[in-house]
């Protein structure tokens, strides 16, 4: 994992704070479908299961979780479309 574009400048941000699972994951999937291969999408979520759901989905779908940042009241999950 590198500390370049991944955590500083995602190509897109999905703010799903306040949504319950599986809403944040569905929002992320919708955004991933619109970006080009190699793009990084940051998901902002305060749903308890988002980190595990996103990691599981990424493994199954062939994408990559590059970083998870705990921002106190929510998580910022970076996913690279592969």
N, C-alpha and C. Protein backbone atom coordinates (compact mmCIF):
# COMPACT_ATOMS: atom_id res chain seq x y z
N UNK A 1 0.84 -1.17 0.00
CA UNK A 1 0.00 0.00 0.00
C UNK A 1 0.89 1.23 0.00
N UNK A 2 0.58 2.16 -0.89
CA UNK A 2 1.36 3.38 -0.96
C UNK A 2 0.56 4.55 -0.41
N UNK A 3 1.27 5.59 -0.04
CA UNK A 3 0.60 6.75 0.54
C UNK A 3 0.52 7.89 -0.47
N UNK A 4 0.37 7.57 -1.74
CA UNK A 4 0.29 8.62 -2.74
C UNK A 4 -1.15 9.06 -2.94
N UNK A 5 -1.71 8.81 -4.11
CA UNK A 5 -3.05 9.25 -4.43
C UNK A 5 -4.12 8.56 -3.59
N UNK A 6 -3.82 7.40 -3.06
CA UNK A 6 -4.83 6.61 -2.36
C UNK A 6 -5.52 7.38 -1.25
N UNK A 7 -4.76 7.94 -0.34
CA UNK A 7 -5.40 8.60 0.80
C UNK A 7 -5.51 10.10 0.64
N UNK A 8 -4.82 10.69 -0.32
CA UNK A 8 -4.86 12.13 -0.46
C UNK A 8 -5.94 12.62 -1.42
N UNK A 9 -6.00 12.03 -2.59
CA UNK A 9 -6.88 12.55 -3.63
C UNK A 9 -7.63 11.43 -4.33
N UNK A 10 -8.74 10.95 -3.76
CA UNK A 10 -9.50 9.94 -4.48
C UNK A 10 -10.11 10.54 -5.74
N UNK A 11 -10.38 9.71 -6.72
CA UNK A 11 -11.01 10.18 -7.95
C UNK A 11 -12.48 10.51 -7.74
N UNK A 12 -13.10 9.88 -6.74
CA UNK A 12 -14.50 10.13 -6.42
C UNK A 12 -14.70 9.85 -4.93
N UNK A 13 -15.70 10.53 -4.35
CA UNK A 13 -16.04 10.33 -2.94
C UNK A 13 -17.53 10.02 -2.86
N UNK A 14 -17.86 8.97 -2.13
CA UNK A 14 -19.26 8.60 -1.88
C UNK A 14 -19.52 8.84 -0.40
N UNK A 15 -20.36 9.81 -0.10
CA UNK A 15 -20.69 10.12 1.29
C UNK A 15 -21.96 9.38 1.67
N UNK A 16 -21.81 8.26 2.35
CA UNK A 16 -22.95 7.44 2.75
C UNK A 16 -23.18 7.49 4.25
N UNK A 17 -22.66 8.54 4.90
CA UNK A 17 -22.87 8.67 6.34
C UNK A 17 -24.36 8.82 6.61
N UNK A 18 -24.82 8.10 7.62
CA UNK A 18 -26.23 8.13 7.99
C UNK A 18 -27.04 7.00 7.37
N UNK A 19 -26.49 6.34 6.36
CA UNK A 19 -27.19 5.22 5.72
C UNK A 19 -26.88 3.93 6.47
N UNK A 20 -27.83 3.03 6.49
CA UNK A 20 -27.62 1.74 7.14
C UNK A 20 -27.21 0.70 6.10
N UNK A 21 -26.54 -0.34 6.56
CA UNK A 21 -26.09 -1.40 5.66
C UNK A 21 -27.30 -2.11 5.08
N UNK A 22 -27.25 -2.48 3.84
CA UNK A 22 -26.13 -2.45 2.91
C UNK A 22 -26.06 -1.18 2.06
N UNK A 23 -26.75 -0.12 2.45
CA UNK A 23 -26.79 1.11 1.67
C UNK A 23 -25.44 1.66 1.25
N UNK A 24 -24.48 1.83 2.20
CA UNK A 24 -23.18 2.36 1.80
C UNK A 24 -22.48 1.49 0.75
N UNK A 25 -22.56 0.19 0.88
CA UNK A 25 -21.94 -0.70 -0.10
C UNK A 25 -22.61 -0.55 -1.46
N UNK A 26 -23.92 -0.46 -1.49
CA UNK A 26 -24.64 -0.29 -2.75
C UNK A 26 -24.26 1.03 -3.41
N UNK A 27 -24.12 2.09 -2.61
CA UNK A 27 -23.70 3.39 -3.14
C UNK A 27 -22.30 3.29 -3.73
N UNK A 28 -21.41 2.59 -3.03
CA UNK A 28 -20.04 2.40 -3.51
C UNK A 28 -20.03 1.64 -4.83
N UNK A 29 -20.78 0.56 -4.90
CA UNK A 29 -20.83 -0.25 -6.12
C UNK A 29 -21.33 0.60 -7.29
N UNK A 30 -22.34 1.40 -7.05
CA UNK A 30 -22.85 2.27 -8.10
C UNK A 30 -21.79 3.23 -8.62
N UNK A 31 -21.00 3.79 -7.73
CA UNK A 31 -19.94 4.72 -8.13
C UNK A 31 -18.80 3.99 -8.82
N UNK A 32 -18.41 2.82 -8.32
CA UNK A 32 -17.33 2.03 -8.93
C UNK A 32 -17.66 1.74 -10.39
N UNK A 33 -18.93 1.49 -10.68
CA UNK A 33 -19.34 1.18 -12.06
C UNK A 33 -19.13 2.36 -13.00
N UNK A 34 -19.07 3.58 -12.48
CA UNK A 34 -18.97 4.77 -13.33
C UNK A 34 -17.55 5.25 -13.56
N UNK A 35 -16.60 4.77 -12.76
CA UNK A 35 -15.23 5.26 -12.87
C UNK A 35 -14.39 4.31 -13.72
N UNK A 36 -13.26 4.81 -14.20
CA UNK A 36 -12.37 4.01 -15.03
C UNK A 36 -11.54 3.06 -14.18
N UNK A 37 -11.05 2.02 -14.81
CA UNK A 37 -10.16 1.08 -14.14
C UNK A 37 -8.94 1.83 -13.62
N UNK A 38 -8.55 1.54 -12.39
CA UNK A 38 -7.42 2.21 -11.75
C UNK A 38 -7.84 3.37 -10.87
N UNK A 39 -9.07 3.83 -11.02
CA UNK A 39 -9.55 4.96 -10.21
C UNK A 39 -9.76 4.52 -8.77
N UNK A 40 -9.63 5.48 -7.85
CA UNK A 40 -9.84 5.24 -6.43
C UNK A 40 -11.09 5.98 -5.99
N UNK A 41 -11.96 5.24 -5.30
CA UNK A 41 -13.19 5.82 -4.75
C UNK A 41 -13.09 5.74 -3.23
N UNK A 42 -13.37 6.85 -2.57
CA UNK A 42 -13.40 6.88 -1.11
C UNK A 42 -14.86 6.81 -0.65
N UNK A 43 -15.15 5.86 0.22
CA UNK A 43 -16.48 5.72 0.79
C UNK A 43 -16.44 6.25 2.22
N UNK A 44 -17.31 7.20 2.53
CA UNK A 44 -17.46 7.70 3.90
C UNK A 44 -18.68 7.02 4.49
N UNK A 45 -18.48 6.28 5.57
CA UNK A 45 -19.60 5.54 6.16
C UNK A 45 -19.46 5.46 7.67
N UNK A 46 -20.60 5.62 8.34
CA UNK A 46 -20.62 5.44 9.79
C UNK A 46 -21.38 4.17 10.17
N UNK A 47 -21.72 3.35 9.17
CA UNK A 47 -22.38 2.09 9.44
C UNK A 47 -21.36 1.08 9.97
N UNK A 48 -21.71 0.40 11.03
CA UNK A 48 -20.79 -0.47 11.74
C UNK A 48 -20.17 -1.56 10.87
N UNK A 49 -20.95 -2.13 9.96
CA UNK A 49 -20.46 -3.27 9.18
C UNK A 49 -19.86 -2.89 7.83
N UNK A 50 -19.79 -1.61 7.51
CA UNK A 50 -19.31 -1.21 6.19
C UNK A 50 -17.91 -1.69 5.88
N UNK A 51 -17.00 -1.58 6.84
CA UNK A 51 -15.62 -1.97 6.54
C UNK A 51 -15.53 -3.44 6.17
N UNK A 52 -16.20 -4.30 6.92
CA UNK A 52 -16.13 -5.73 6.61
C UNK A 52 -16.89 -6.05 5.33
N UNK A 53 -18.03 -5.41 5.10
CA UNK A 53 -18.80 -5.66 3.89
C UNK A 53 -18.04 -5.21 2.65
N UNK A 54 -17.40 -4.05 2.73
CA UNK A 54 -16.65 -3.54 1.57
C UNK A 54 -15.45 -4.43 1.29
N UNK A 55 -14.74 -4.86 2.34
CA UNK A 55 -13.59 -5.73 2.12
C UNK A 55 -14.01 -7.05 1.49
N UNK A 56 -15.09 -7.63 1.97
CA UNK A 56 -15.58 -8.89 1.41
C UNK A 56 -16.01 -8.71 -0.04
N UNK A 57 -16.75 -7.64 -0.33
CA UNK A 57 -17.18 -7.37 -1.70
C UNK A 57 -15.98 -7.15 -2.62
N UNK A 58 -14.99 -6.39 -2.15
CA UNK A 58 -13.81 -6.10 -2.98
C UNK A 58 -13.09 -7.39 -3.37
N UNK A 59 -12.93 -8.29 -2.41
CA UNK A 59 -12.28 -9.57 -2.70
C UNK A 59 -13.07 -10.37 -3.73
N UNK A 60 -14.39 -10.39 -3.58
CA UNK A 60 -15.24 -11.17 -4.48
C UNK A 60 -15.32 -10.55 -5.87
N UNK A 61 -15.24 -9.22 -5.94
CA UNK A 61 -15.44 -8.53 -7.22
C UNK A 61 -14.14 -8.24 -7.95
N UNK A 62 -13.00 -8.51 -7.30
CA UNK A 62 -11.73 -8.29 -7.95
C UNK A 62 -11.23 -6.86 -7.85
N UNK A 63 -11.76 -6.10 -6.91
CA UNK A 63 -11.28 -4.74 -6.65
C UNK A 63 -10.39 -4.77 -5.41
N UNK A 64 -9.84 -3.62 -5.02
CA UNK A 64 -8.86 -3.61 -3.94
C UNK A 64 -9.14 -2.51 -2.92
N UNK A 65 -9.29 -2.90 -1.66
CA UNK A 65 -9.35 -1.91 -0.58
C UNK A 65 -7.91 -1.51 -0.29
N UNK A 66 -7.59 -0.25 -0.54
CA UNK A 66 -6.21 0.20 -0.39
C UNK A 66 -5.93 0.83 0.97
N UNK A 67 -6.98 1.29 1.65
CA UNK A 67 -6.78 1.90 2.96
C UNK A 67 -8.12 2.06 3.66
N UNK A 68 -8.10 2.00 4.97
CA UNK A 68 -9.27 2.30 5.80
C UNK A 68 -8.80 3.26 6.87
N UNK A 69 -9.42 4.42 6.93
CA UNK A 69 -9.03 5.45 7.88
C UNK A 69 -10.19 5.69 8.84
N UNK A 70 -9.93 5.53 10.13
CA UNK A 70 -10.92 5.82 11.16
C UNK A 70 -10.90 7.32 11.42
N UNK A 71 -11.97 8.00 11.07
CA UNK A 71 -12.02 9.45 11.24
C UNK A 71 -12.88 9.83 12.45
N UNK A 72 -12.95 8.94 13.42
CA UNK A 72 -13.68 9.23 14.64
C UNK A 72 -15.15 8.85 14.54
N UNK A 73 -15.94 9.68 13.87
CA UNK A 73 -17.37 9.40 13.78
C UNK A 73 -17.75 8.62 12.53
N UNK A 74 -16.77 8.35 11.67
CA UNK A 74 -17.02 7.54 10.47
C UNK A 74 -15.70 6.98 9.95
N UNK A 75 -15.82 6.02 9.04
CA UNK A 75 -14.65 5.45 8.38
C UNK A 75 -14.57 5.99 6.96
N UNK A 76 -13.35 6.13 6.47
CA UNK A 76 -13.07 6.50 5.08
C UNK A 76 -12.40 5.28 4.48
N UNK A 77 -13.09 4.62 3.55
CA UNK A 77 -12.62 3.39 2.96
C UNK A 77 -12.25 3.65 1.51
N UNK A 78 -10.98 3.42 1.17
CA UNK A 78 -10.49 3.67 -0.19
C UNK A 78 -10.51 2.37 -0.98
N UNK A 79 -11.12 2.40 -2.15
CA UNK A 79 -11.23 1.23 -3.00
C UNK A 79 -10.73 1.58 -4.40
N UNK A 80 -9.81 0.77 -4.90
CA UNK A 80 -9.30 0.94 -6.27
C UNK A 80 -10.03 -0.03 -7.18
N UNK A 81 -10.56 0.50 -8.27
CA UNK A 81 -11.22 -0.35 -9.27
C UNK A 81 -10.15 -1.05 -10.10
N UNK A 82 -10.20 -2.37 -10.12
CA UNK A 82 -9.24 -3.15 -10.89
C UNK A 82 -9.92 -3.83 -12.07
